[in-house]
């Protein structure tokens, strides 16, 4: 069985972060492992607290994984401080990690800021150059490319700026400003649109975490980058189409929409 490691924050409501990543990984056929960067107190409406893990303990978590069950892919999500980003980068270099997918989580779906100002520079300098793929949404891409994005043409310009600056492939996710479910893939001067159907579901908590984890899972299984993206988009569409409705705000998706078997059945 192939393996994947998520390095991200915990979501106490279970819809995003480590919890979403592990659900996504098992549903995409890989064994998921985790290194927790922070504990968050959050639900579908807000984030009420963030408690970071000390850098030395994060390093121990990553070392424990790599020295026993080496991951075939690594997904990196919420990392709130420059010290933690530096720790992650150092570990990835030390172990020569493969198939690194960076979801540059800066703002939660609820609007709460998750990344400190000083950490943005460290993310750009230390982590993005190690990435196989970076998956920003439009607000995140506006920060990374230092420009406003209001059209599909802007998306192309921004993705090129990010990819050429950090020497990584980019999947710039639609939505937000553009109200468009199509994503733009950029790699070494070439662009490809992954057209998507917009699903009218207000419950989108954890979509970014889920997409990046699904991509990492498929890379771990040996799929090409573009095939991994296509499979991940199909998975997230299915999770949204299941129309799970939990919580008072932007609720989670049904990560297990395709799960079958006797252990899933409920009492009659």
Protein backbone atom coordinates (compact mmCIF):
# COMPACT_ATOMS: atom_id res chain seq x y z
CA UNK A 1 0.00 0.00 0.00
CA UNK A 2 1.34 3.44 -0.91
CA UNK A 3 1.69 6.07 1.81
CA UNK A 4 1.25 9.81 2.21
CA UNK A 5 2.13 12.25 4.97
CA UNK A 6 0.11 15.33 5.80
CA UNK A 7 1.87 18.15 7.63
CA UNK A 8 -0.91 20.50 8.69
CA UNK A 9 -3.09 21.84 11.47
CA UNK A 10 -5.83 19.97 13.28
CA UNK A 11 -9.48 20.97 12.78
CA UNK A 12 -11.58 20.20 15.86
CA UNK A 13 -14.76 20.12 13.76
CA UNK A 14 -13.29 17.48 11.43
CA UNK A 15 -13.98 19.09 8.08
CA UNK A 16 -10.58 20.51 7.19
CA UNK A 17 -6.91 20.18 8.12
CA UNK A 18 -5.40 16.90 9.30
CA UNK A 19 -8.80 15.30 9.74
CA UNK A 20 -9.90 16.03 6.16
CA UNK A 21 -6.51 14.98 4.84
CA UNK A 22 -6.57 11.55 6.49
CA UNK A 23 -10.16 10.89 5.39
CA UNK A 24 -9.23 11.87 1.84
CA UNK A 25 -6.10 9.73 1.80
CA UNK A 26 -7.85 6.53 2.86
CA UNK A 27 -10.65 7.17 0.37
CA UNK A 28 -8.03 7.61 -2.36
CA UNK A 29 -6.33 4.33 -1.59
CA UNK A 30 -3.23 5.31 0.39
CA UNK A 31 -2.17 4.93 4.01
CA UNK A 32 -2.22 8.38 5.61
CA UNK A 33 0.17 9.63 8.28
CA UNK A 34 0.34 13.02 9.98
CA UNK A 35 2.59 15.59 11.59
CA UNK A 36 0.52 18.21 13.41
CA UNK A 37 1.67 21.83 13.10
CA UNK A 38 -1.02 23.35 15.30
CA UNK A 39 -4.18 22.65 17.24
CA UNK A 40 -7.11 24.82 16.27
CA UNK A 41 -10.39 25.42 18.04
CA UNK A 42 -12.74 25.88 15.13
CA UNK A 43 -16.08 24.93 13.69
CA UNK A 44 -18.03 25.74 10.53
CA UNK A 45 -18.47 29.39 11.52
CA UNK A 46 -15.17 30.56 13.00
CA UNK A 47 -11.72 29.87 14.41
CA UNK A 48 -11.58 30.73 18.11
CA UNK A 49 -8.02 29.66 18.89
CA UNK A 50 -4.74 28.39 17.46
CA UNK A 51 -2.03 26.69 19.53
CA UNK A 52 1.17 26.00 17.61
CA UNK A 53 3.31 22.92 18.12
CA UNK A 54 6.92 23.76 19.15
CA UNK A 55 9.27 23.46 16.15
CA UNK A 56 11.39 20.81 17.84
CA UNK A 57 8.33 18.61 18.39
CA UNK A 58 7.16 19.04 14.81
CA UNK A 59 10.62 17.91 13.72
CA UNK A 60 10.31 14.80 15.90
CA UNK A 61 6.97 13.94 14.30
CA UNK A 62 8.33 14.23 10.77
CA UNK A 63 11.47 12.28 11.65
CA UNK A 64 9.41 9.50 13.23
CA UNK A 65 7.47 9.05 10.01
CA UNK A 66 10.37 9.22 7.55
CA UNK A 67 12.61 6.91 9.57
CA UNK A 68 10.04 4.14 9.72
CA UNK A 69 7.31 4.39 7.04
CA UNK A 70 8.72 6.63 4.34
CA UNK A 71 5.89 8.54 2.64
CA UNK A 72 5.48 8.30 -1.12
CA UNK A 73 4.03 11.83 -1.12
CA UNK A 74 3.81 14.78 1.27
CA UNK A 75 0.97 17.29 1.55
CA UNK A 76 1.65 20.51 3.47
CA UNK A 77 -1.25 22.60 4.72
CA UNK A 78 -1.57 25.18 7.47
CA UNK A 79 1.77 26.29 8.90
CA UNK A 80 1.31 29.47 10.90
CA UNK A 81 4.85 30.58 11.73
CA UNK A 82 8.21 31.06 10.02
CA UNK A 83 9.91 28.78 12.57
CA UNK A 84 7.65 25.86 11.68
CA UNK A 85 8.06 26.46 7.96
CA UNK A 86 11.84 26.43 8.35
CA UNK A 87 11.62 23.19 10.32
CA UNK A 88 9.51 21.50 7.64
CA UNK A 89 11.79 22.64 4.82
CA UNK A 90 14.84 21.36 6.67
CA UNK A 91 13.27 17.94 7.19
CA UNK A 92 12.10 17.62 3.59
CA UNK A 93 15.60 18.42 2.35
CA UNK A 94 17.21 16.05 4.85
CA UNK A 95 15.10 13.09 3.76
CA UNK A 96 14.84 13.98 0.07
CA UNK A 97 11.05 13.91 0.13
CA UNK A 98 9.18 13.15 -3.09
CA UNK A 99 5.89 14.43 -4.52
CA UNK A 100 5.48 17.50 -2.32
CA UNK A 101 2.12 19.27 -2.63
CA UNK A 102 1.91 22.64 -0.86
CA UNK A 103 -1.51 24.12 -0.12
CA UNK A 104 -0.53 27.65 1.03
CA UNK A 105 -3.28 28.01 3.62
CA UNK A 106 -3.48 31.69 4.54
CA UNK A 107 -7.16 32.29 5.24
CA UNK A 108 -9.84 29.87 6.46
CA UNK A 109 -13.10 29.41 4.56
CA UNK A 110 -14.78 31.30 7.41
CA UNK A 111 -12.49 34.29 6.73
CA UNK A 112 -10.19 33.88 9.73
CA UNK A 113 -6.51 34.61 9.07
CA UNK A 114 -4.32 31.54 9.60
CA UNK A 115 -0.84 32.67 8.53
CA UNK A 116 1.30 35.25 10.30
CA UNK A 117 2.76 38.05 8.18
CA UNK A 118 6.38 37.05 8.80
CA UNK A 119 5.61 33.48 7.75
CA UNK A 120 4.61 34.46 4.21
CA UNK A 121 8.18 35.40 3.29
CA UNK A 122 9.53 32.15 4.77
CA UNK A 123 6.91 30.16 2.87
CA UNK A 124 8.02 31.79 -0.38
CA UNK A 125 11.74 31.41 0.24
CA UNK A 126 11.96 28.00 1.91
CA UNK A 127 8.95 25.87 1.06
CA UNK A 128 7.59 26.75 -2.38
CA UNK A 129 10.90 26.04 -4.17
CA UNK A 130 10.70 22.46 -2.81
CA UNK A 131 7.16 21.90 -4.06
CA UNK A 132 6.17 19.58 -6.87
CA UNK A 133 2.88 21.48 -6.96
CA UNK A 134 1.47 24.51 -5.15
CA UNK A 135 -2.33 24.88 -4.98
CA UNK A 136 -3.32 28.47 -4.09
CA UNK A 137 -6.85 29.81 -4.29
CA UNK A 138 -7.34 33.26 -5.76
CA UNK A 139 -6.80 35.31 -2.56
CA UNK A 140 -3.63 33.32 -1.85
CA UNK A 141 -2.40 33.68 -5.42
CA UNK A 142 -2.96 37.44 -5.23
CA UNK A 143 -0.52 37.51 -2.29
CA UNK A 144 2.05 35.20 -3.90
CA UNK A 145 1.92 36.94 -7.30
CA UNK A 146 1.46 40.44 -5.83
CA UNK A 147 -1.43 41.33 -8.13
CA UNK A 148 -5.21 41.45 -8.29
CA UNK A 149 -6.98 38.58 -10.05
CA UNK A 150 -10.39 39.32 -11.54
CA UNK A 151 -10.36 37.42 -14.88
CA UNK A 152 -9.19 34.13 -16.33
CA UNK A 153 -6.43 36.04 -18.11
CA UNK A 154 -5.27 37.35 -14.72
CA UNK A 155 -5.15 33.76 -13.48
CA UNK A 156 -2.75 32.85 -16.28
CA UNK A 157 -0.47 35.79 -15.51
CA UNK A 158 -0.49 35.06 -11.78
CA UNK A 159 0.15 31.34 -12.18
CA UNK A 160 3.09 32.07 -14.49
CA UNK A 161 4.54 34.54 -11.99
CA UNK A 162 4.29 32.02 -9.16
CA UNK A 163 5.56 29.05 -11.15
CA UNK A 164 8.50 30.89 -12.71
CA UNK A 165 9.45 32.62 -9.47
CA UNK A 166 9.49 29.48 -7.32
CA UNK A 167 10.26 26.90 -10.03
CA UNK A 168 7.24 24.76 -9.24
CA UNK A 169 4.04 23.69 -10.95
CA UNK A 170 0.92 25.63 -10.00
CA UNK A 171 -2.74 24.72 -9.76
CA UNK A 172 -4.56 28.04 -9.36
CA UNK A 173 -8.04 27.25 -8.14
CA UNK A 174 -11.04 29.10 -9.52
CA UNK A 175 -13.97 30.26 -7.43
CA UNK A 176 -13.85 33.19 -5.02
CA UNK A 177 -13.71 36.35 -7.15
CA UNK A 178 -14.45 34.59 -10.42
CA UNK A 179 -17.38 32.40 -9.35
CA UNK A 180 -15.90 29.69 -11.57
CA UNK A 181 -15.18 26.04 -10.71
CA UNK A 182 -12.40 25.79 -13.33
CA UNK A 183 -8.77 25.54 -12.21
CA UNK A 184 -5.64 26.60 -14.09
CA UNK A 185 -2.61 24.32 -14.22
CA UNK A 186 0.74 25.89 -15.10
CA UNK A 187 4.02 24.06 -15.61
CA UNK A 188 7.19 25.26 -17.33
CA UNK A 189 5.48 27.71 -19.62
CA UNK A 190 2.50 25.53 -20.53
CA UNK A 191 -1.06 26.05 -19.28
CA UNK A 192 -4.07 23.75 -19.10
CA UNK A 193 -7.55 24.49 -17.84
CA UNK A 194 -9.24 21.84 -15.74
CA UNK A 195 -12.82 22.78 -16.40
CA UNK A 196 -15.22 21.96 -13.60
CA UNK A 197 -18.96 22.11 -13.09
CA UNK A 198 -20.07 24.46 -10.36
CA UNK A 199 -21.96 22.53 -7.69
CA UNK A 200 -24.48 24.63 -5.78
CA UNK A 201 -23.48 23.51 -2.32
CA UNK A 202 -22.83 26.15 0.39
CA UNK A 203 -20.91 23.61 2.47
CA UNK A 204 -17.34 23.94 1.25
CA UNK A 205 -15.35 23.77 4.49
CA UNK A 206 -12.07 21.99 3.79
CA UNK A 207 -12.23 21.91 -0.01
CA UNK A 208 -8.66 23.15 -0.40
CA UNK A 209 -7.28 20.63 2.10
CA UNK A 210 -9.22 17.85 0.44
CA UNK A 211 -8.14 18.67 -3.11
CA UNK A 212 -4.43 18.92 -2.26
CA UNK A 213 -4.54 15.69 -0.24
CA UNK A 214 -6.28 13.86 -3.08
CA UNK A 215 -3.62 15.08 -5.51
CA UNK A 216 -0.83 13.94 -3.16
CA UNK A 217 -2.52 10.55 -2.77
CA UNK A 218 -2.65 10.02 -6.51
CA UNK A 219 0.96 11.12 -6.93
CA UNK A 220 1.89 8.57 -4.26
CA UNK A 221 0.21 5.87 -6.36
CA UNK A 222 2.30 6.79 -9.39
CA UNK A 223 -0.12 8.84 -11.46
CA UNK A 224 1.24 11.73 -13.48
CA UNK A 225 0.69 15.20 -12.10
CA UNK A 226 -2.06 16.10 -14.55
CA UNK A 227 -3.85 12.77 -14.05
CA UNK A 228 -3.56 13.17 -10.28
CA UNK A 229 -5.22 16.60 -10.54
CA UNK A 230 -8.04 15.26 -12.73
CA UNK A 231 -8.73 12.36 -10.37
CA UNK A 232 -8.66 14.68 -7.36
CA UNK A 233 -11.16 17.05 -8.97
CA UNK A 234 -13.50 14.15 -9.70
CA UNK A 235 -13.24 13.02 -6.08
CA UNK A 236 -13.99 16.45 -4.64
CA UNK A 237 -16.94 16.86 -7.01
CA UNK A 238 -18.39 13.63 -5.68
CA UNK A 239 -17.86 14.74 -2.08
CA UNK A 240 -19.68 18.02 -2.79
CA UNK A 241 -22.49 16.39 -4.76
CA UNK A 242 -23.28 14.18 -1.75
CA UNK A 243 -24.77 17.34 -0.17
CA UNK A 244 -23.82 16.65 3.42
CA UNK A 245 -25.31 19.35 5.64
CA UNK A 246 -23.71 19.70 9.08
CA UNK A 247 -23.10 22.78 11.21
CA UNK A 248 -24.41 26.32 11.26
CA UNK A 249 -21.88 27.80 8.81
CA UNK A 250 -20.01 26.55 5.75
CA UNK A 251 -20.09 22.86 6.62
CA UNK A 252 -17.87 19.94 5.62
CA UNK A 253 -18.14 17.71 2.58
CA UNK A 254 -18.88 14.01 2.73
CA UNK A 255 -15.37 12.60 2.27
CA UNK A 256 -16.72 9.07 2.51
CA UNK A 257 -19.39 9.45 -0.19
CA UNK A 258 -18.01 6.44 -2.08
CA UNK A 259 -17.45 4.28 1.00
CA UNK A 260 -19.26 0.95 0.94
CA UNK A 261 -19.23 -2.22 2.99
CA UNK A 262 -20.85 -3.79 6.02
CA UNK A 263 -18.99 -1.60 8.52
CA UNK A 264 -20.58 1.55 7.05
CA UNK A 265 -24.16 0.37 7.44
CA UNK A 266 -26.36 1.92 10.10
CA UNK A 267 -28.84 0.15 12.35
CA UNK A 268 -32.18 -0.39 10.62
